[in-house]
């Protein structure tokens, strides 16, 4: 399983490739169905779920059709369950797939 550390300055660091990565890189990991874990560098706290939600919000900015998913997630604040994270991952994979098939779409942006 790939280990990613988030530092105090919010930078993400992939310990396998020994390099900084972006939320876009994490979106690719999700799309490619790679297993990964994100932890706070100082405390070791697992923040994978939070990071996946950040990826979802980035994708949602590019594809407004995910607004309903974001709304439903906000209603479940505080419920850290595998079901919620799995739902998020499923929707991200779906959106990334659509975005990949339509690279010229005006809703797709390669900028963070």
Protein backbone atom coordinates (compact mmCIF):
# COMPACT_ATOMS: atom_id res chain seq x y z
CA UNK A 1 0.00 0.00 0.00
CA UNK A 2 1.30 3.43 -0.96
CA UNK A 3 1.97 5.76 1.96
CA UNK A 4 1.49 9.49 1.50
CA UNK A 5 2.44 11.97 4.18
CA UNK A 6 0.89 15.41 4.56
CA UNK A 7 3.18 17.99 6.07
CA UNK A 8 2.29 21.04 8.14
CA UNK A 9 2.46 23.25 5.02
CA UNK A 10 -0.24 20.95 3.48
CA UNK A 11 2.18 19.48 0.97
CA UNK A 12 1.64 15.83 0.14
CA UNK A 13 4.68 13.57 -0.14
CA UNK A 14 4.66 10.13 -1.74
CA UNK A 15 7.09 8.01 0.27
CA UNK A 16 7.43 5.43 -2.53
CA UNK A 17 8.66 7.81 -5.22
CA UNK A 18 10.16 10.22 -2.67
CA UNK A 19 8.51 13.22 -4.26
CA UNK A 20 5.81 15.79 -3.62
CA UNK A 21 2.45 15.04 -5.21
CA UNK A 22 -0.84 16.90 -5.74
CA UNK A 23 -4.50 16.13 -5.19
CA UNK A 24 -4.64 15.50 -8.92
CA UNK A 25 -2.07 12.72 -8.46
CA UNK A 26 -4.25 11.25 -5.72
CA UNK A 27 -7.22 11.38 -8.10
CA UNK A 28 -5.17 9.26 -10.52
CA UNK A 29 -4.47 6.75 -7.74
CA UNK A 30 -8.19 6.50 -7.07
CA UNK A 31 -9.03 6.15 -10.76
CA UNK A 32 -6.37 3.46 -11.16
CA UNK A 33 -7.75 1.69 -8.07
CA UNK A 34 -4.40 1.83 -6.27
CA UNK A 35 -4.40 1.38 -2.52
CA UNK A 36 -3.02 4.27 -0.53
CA UNK A 37 -3.08 5.78 2.90
CA UNK A 38 -2.56 9.44 3.80
CA UNK A 39 -1.18 10.32 7.23
CA UNK A 40 -0.19 13.51 9.02
CA UNK A 41 3.60 13.56 9.08
CA UNK A 42 3.90 14.78 12.67
CA UNK A 43 1.20 12.73 14.40
CA UNK A 44 0.75 9.73 12.10
CA UNK A 45 -3.02 10.36 12.16
CA UNK A 46 -4.80 8.69 9.24
CA UNK A 47 -6.40 11.43 7.11
CA UNK A 48 -7.19 9.33 4.05
CA UNK A 49 -10.94 10.04 4.23
CA UNK A 50 -10.41 13.79 4.51
CA UNK A 51 -8.01 13.74 1.57
CA UNK A 52 -10.46 11.76 -0.56
CA UNK A 53 -13.12 14.38 0.21
CA UNK A 54 -10.69 17.12 -0.91
CA UNK A 55 -10.19 15.25 -4.18
CA UNK A 56 -13.95 15.02 -4.59
CA UNK A 57 -14.33 18.75 -4.04
CA UNK A 58 -11.65 19.46 -6.65
CA UNK A 59 -13.44 17.22 -9.13
CA UNK A 60 -16.76 18.84 -8.22
CA UNK A 61 -15.36 22.25 -9.08
CA UNK A 62 -14.72 20.92 -12.58
CA UNK A 63 -17.95 18.99 -12.88
CA UNK A 64 -20.87 20.67 -11.13
CA UNK A 65 -23.05 17.57 -11.50
CA UNK A 66 -21.48 16.19 -8.32
CA UNK A 67 -23.04 18.95 -6.24
CA UNK A 68 -25.69 16.59 -4.87
CA UNK A 69 -23.01 14.20 -3.64
CA UNK A 70 -21.17 17.00 -1.83
CA UNK A 71 -24.45 18.11 -0.25
CA UNK A 72 -25.22 14.61 0.99
CA UNK A 73 -21.70 14.30 2.43
CA UNK A 74 -22.09 17.57 4.32
CA UNK A 75 -25.29 16.21 5.90
CA UNK A 76 -23.37 13.24 7.28
CA UNK A 77 -20.58 15.28 8.89
CA UNK A 78 -19.09 13.42 11.79
CA UNK A 79 -19.99 9.96 10.51
CA UNK A 80 -16.65 8.46 9.55
CA UNK A 81 -17.70 5.20 8.00
CA UNK A 82 -16.21 3.06 5.28
CA UNK A 83 -19.50 3.26 3.41
CA UNK A 84 -19.22 7.03 2.98
CA UNK A 85 -15.61 6.86 1.82
CA UNK A 86 -16.43 4.04 -0.59
CA UNK A 87 -19.31 6.07 -2.03
CA UNK A 88 -17.03 9.06 -2.49
CA UNK A 89 -14.39 6.94 -4.21
CA UNK A 90 -17.03 5.43 -6.51
CA UNK A 91 -18.23 8.87 -7.58
CA UNK A 92 -14.71 10.19 -8.06
CA UNK A 93 -13.84 7.22 -10.27
CA UNK A 94 -17.00 7.79 -12.28
CA UNK A 95 -16.30 11.51 -12.75
CA UNK A 96 -12.64 10.94 -13.62
CA UNK A 97 -13.70 8.38 -16.19
CA UNK A 98 -16.10 10.88 -17.80
CA UNK A 99 -13.46 13.60 -17.71
CA UNK A 100 -10.89 11.30 -19.27
CA UNK A 101 -13.24 10.44 -22.15
CA UNK A 102 -13.96 14.13 -22.79
CA UNK A 103 -10.56 15.84 -22.43
CA UNK A 104 -11.68 18.87 -24.47
CA UNK A 105 -14.64 19.59 -22.21
CA UNK A 106 -14.69 23.13 -20.85
CA UNK A 107 -15.56 21.76 -17.40
CA UNK A 108 -12.23 19.94 -17.18
CA UNK A 109 -9.23 21.85 -15.93
CA UNK A 110 -5.74 20.51 -15.39
CA UNK A 111 -5.00 23.33 -12.94
CA UNK A 112 -5.32 22.80 -9.19
